[in-house]
C-alpha atoms as a PDB file:
ATOM      1  CA  MET A   1      19.172  -6.383   4.363  1.00  0.00           C
ATOM      2  CA  GLU A   2      19.481  -4.668   1.051  1.00  0.00           C
ATOM      3  CA  SER A   3      16.778  -6.823  -0.450  1.00  0.00           C
ATOM      4  CA  LEU A   4      14.471  -6.581   2.619  1.00  0.00           C
ATOM      5  CA  LEU A   5      14.412  -2.988   2.921  1.00  0.00           C
ATOM      6  CA  PRO A   6      12.138  -2.248  -0.208  1.00  0.00           C
ATOM      7  CA  ILE A   7       9.615  -4.669   1.241  1.00  0.00           C
ATOM      8  CA  ILE A   8       9.684  -2.911   4.640  1.00  0.00           C
ATOM      9  CA  VAL A   9       9.113   0.397   3.031  1.00  0.00           C
ATOM     10  CA  GLN A  10       6.189  -0.935   1.024  1.00  0.00           C
ATOM     11  CA  VAL A  11       4.613  -2.454   3.957  1.00  0.00           C
ATOM     12  CA  VAL A  12       4.952   0.654   6.197  1.00  0.00           C
ATOM     13  CA  THR A  13       3.860   2.998   3.372  1.00  0.00           C
ATOM     14  CA  GLY A  14       0.952   0.789   2.599  1.00  0.00           C
ATOM     15  CA  ILE A  15      -0.376   0.729   6.165  1.00  0.00           C
ATOM     16  CA  ILE A  16      -0.058   4.515   6.069  1.00  0.00           C
ATOM     17  CA  GLY A  17      -2.030   4.781   2.774  1.00  0.00           C
ATOM     18  CA  GLY A  18      -4.631   2.258   4.185  1.00  0.00           C
ATOM     19  CA  GLN A  19      -5.045   4.094   7.272  1.00  0.00           C
ATOM     20  CA  ALA A  20      -5.519   7.495   5.384  1.00  0.00           C
ATOM     21  CA  VAL A  21      -8.204   6.181   3.204  1.00  0.00           C
ATOM     22  CA  GLY A  22      -9.877   4.576   6.228  1.00  0.00           C
ATOM     23  CA  ALA A  23      -9.964   7.892   7.941  1.00  0.00           C
ATOM     24  CA  ALA A  24     -11.018   9.859   4.824  1.00  0.00           C
ATOM     25  CA  PHE A  25     -14.103   7.450   4.124  1.00  0.00           C
ATOM     26  CA  LYS A  26     -16.054   7.123   7.266  1.00  0.00           C
ATOM     27  CA  GLN A  27     -18.763   5.004   5.389  1.00  0.00           C
ATOM     28  CA  ALA A  28     -16.325   2.283   5.044  1.00  0.00           C
ATOM     29  CA  ALA A  29     -16.344   1.420   8.822  1.00  0.00           C
ATOM     30  CA  MET A  30     -13.678  -0.922   9.246  1.00  0.00           C
ATOM     31  CA  THR A  31     -11.794  -1.972  12.364  1.00  0.00           C
ATOM     32  CA  GLN A  32      -7.976  -1.506  12.298  1.00  0.00           C
ATOM     33  CA  LEU A  33      -7.052  -5.165  11.539  1.00  0.00           C
ATOM     34  CA  PRO A  34      -8.657  -5.073   8.006  1.00  0.00           C
ATOM     35  CA  LYS A  35      -7.151  -1.661   7.344  1.00  0.00           C
ATOM     36  CA  ILE A  36      -3.723  -2.720   8.436  1.00  0.00           C
ATOM     37  CA  LEU A  37      -3.779  -5.997   6.646  1.00  0.00           C
ATOM     38  CA  SER A  38      -5.203  -4.553   3.309  1.00  0.00           C
ATOM     39  CA  GLY A  39      -2.913  -1.663   3.525  1.00  0.00           C
ATOM     40  CA  ALA A  40       0.056  -3.866   4.073  1.00  0.00           C
ATOM     41  CA  ILE A  41      -0.756  -6.396   1.229  1.00  0.00           C
ATOM     42  CA  GLY A  42      -1.681  -3.531  -1.024  1.00  0.00           C
ATOM     43  CA  GLY A  43       1.579  -1.808  -0.276  1.00  0.00           C
ATOM     44  CA  VAL A  44       3.717  -4.741  -1.175  1.00  0.00           C
ATOM     45  CA  ALA A  45       1.653  -5.265  -4.377  1.00  0.00           C
ATOM     46  CA  GLY A  46       1.554  -1.615  -5.455  1.00  0.00           C
ATOM     47  CA  GLY A  47       5.340  -1.415  -4.838  1.00  0.00           C
ATOM     48  CA  GLN A  48       6.150  -4.564  -6.779  1.00  0.00           C
ATOM     49  CA  ILE A  49       3.801  -3.303  -9.653  1.00  0.00           C
ATOM     50  CA  LEU A  50       5.299   0.080  -9.886  1.00  0.00           C
ATOM     51  CA  GLY A  51       8.806  -1.289  -9.414  1.00  0.00           C
ATOM     52  CA  SER A  52       8.282  -3.507 -12.525  1.00  0.00           C
ATOM     53  CA  LEU A  53       6.899  -0.621 -14.499  1.00  0.00           C
ATOM     54  CA  LEU A  54       9.953   1.560 -13.510  1.00  0.00           C
ATOM     55  CA  GLY A  55      12.372  -1.012 -14.547  1.00  0.00           C
ATOM     56  CA  ASP A  56      15.546  -2.063 -12.855  1.00  0.00           C
ATOM     57  CA  PRO A  57      16.058  -0.477  -9.286  1.00  0.00           C
ATOM     58  CA  ALA A  58      19.805  -0.429  -9.702  1.00  0.00           C
ATOM     59  CA  THR A  59      19.510   1.992 -12.708  1.00  0.00           C
ATOM     60  CA  ALA A  60      17.053   4.332 -10.739  1.00  0.00           C
ATOM     61  CA  GLY A  61      19.541   4.848  -7.915  1.00  0.00           C
ATOM     62  CA  ALA A  62      18.851   4.465  -4.246  1.00  0.00           C
ATOM     63  CA  LEU A  63      16.608   7.455  -3.802  1.00  0.00           C
ATOM     64  CA  GLY A  64      14.683   6.728  -6.786  1.00  0.00           C
ATOM     65  CA  GLY A  65      14.120   3.110  -5.924  1.00  0.00           C
ATOM     66  CA  MET A  66      13.053   4.117  -2.326  1.00  0.00           C
ATOM     67  CA  LEU A  67      10.773   6.780  -3.608  1.00  0.00           C
ATOM     68  CA  GLY A  68       9.116   4.336  -6.027  1.00  0.00           C
ATOM     69  CA  ASP A  69       8.702   1.976  -3.258  1.00  0.00           C
ATOM     70  CA  ALA A  70       7.122   4.535  -0.908  1.00  0.00           C
ATOM     71  CA  VAL A  71       4.772   5.979  -3.770  1.00  0.00           C
ATOM     72  CA  GLY A  72       3.805   2.488  -4.990  1.00  0.00           C
ATOM     73  CA  GLY A  73       3.266   1.086  -1.473  1.00  0.00           C
ATOM     74  CA  ALA A  74       1.241   4.011  -0.318  1.00  0.00           C
ATOM     75  CA  GLY A  75      -0.986   4.035  -3.500  1.00  0.00           C
ATOM     76  CA  GLY A  76      -1.332   0.115  -3.482  1.00  0.00           C
ATOM     77  CA  GLY A  77      -2.149   0.236   0.126  1.00  0.00           C
ATOM     78  CA  ALA A  78      -4.839   3.013  -0.209  1.00  0.00           C
ATOM     79  CA  ILE A  79      -6.440   1.309  -3.228  1.00  0.00           C
ATOM     80  CA  LEU A  80      -6.652  -2.127  -1.887  1.00  0.00           C
ATOM     81  CA  THR A  81      -8.024  -0.610   1.514  1.00  0.00           C
ATOM     82  CA  ALA A  82     -10.605   1.168  -0.431  1.00  0.00           C
ATOM     83  CA  ILE A  83     -11.761  -1.889  -2.311  1.00  0.00           C
ATOM     84  CA  VAL A  84     -11.810  -3.992   0.896  1.00  0.00           C
ATOM     85  CA  GLY A  85     -13.909  -1.197   2.642  1.00  0.00           C
ATOM     86  CA  ALA A  86     -16.438  -1.098  -0.338  1.00  0.00           C
ATOM     87  CA  VAL A  87     -16.824  -4.893  -0.153  1.00  0.00           C
ATOM     88  CA  MET A  88     -17.224  -4.799   3.542  1.00  0.00           C
ATOM     89  CA  GLY A  89     -19.542  -1.984   3.426  1.00  0.00           C
ATOM     90  CA  ALA A  90     -21.752  -3.766   0.688  1.00  0.00           C
ATOM     91  CA  MET A  91     -21.864  -6.992   2.757  1.00  0.00           C
ATOM     92  CA  LYS A  92     -23.282  -5.091   5.686  1.00  0.00           C
ATOM     93  CA  LYS A  93     -26.405  -4.019   3.801  1.00  0.00           C
END
């Protein structure tokens, strides 16, 4: 369970970040499924990238590791959702 918790945090915060971007940018008229999927995938990717940049999570402590997962997940989910929204918007034109 200890190795699964960071991934769960990254997925949930990625979905939250994706939903926030979807709500902020109405021109990227996406349905819920692409926002959820891109947010979750971007959340895991962003969390993994930030985790590798910060180093070993054991040295960061439980709170530091969890905070890094949340920040990386939200950022990665938001960024990937914005990219997917821009691509989908360009394809509609």
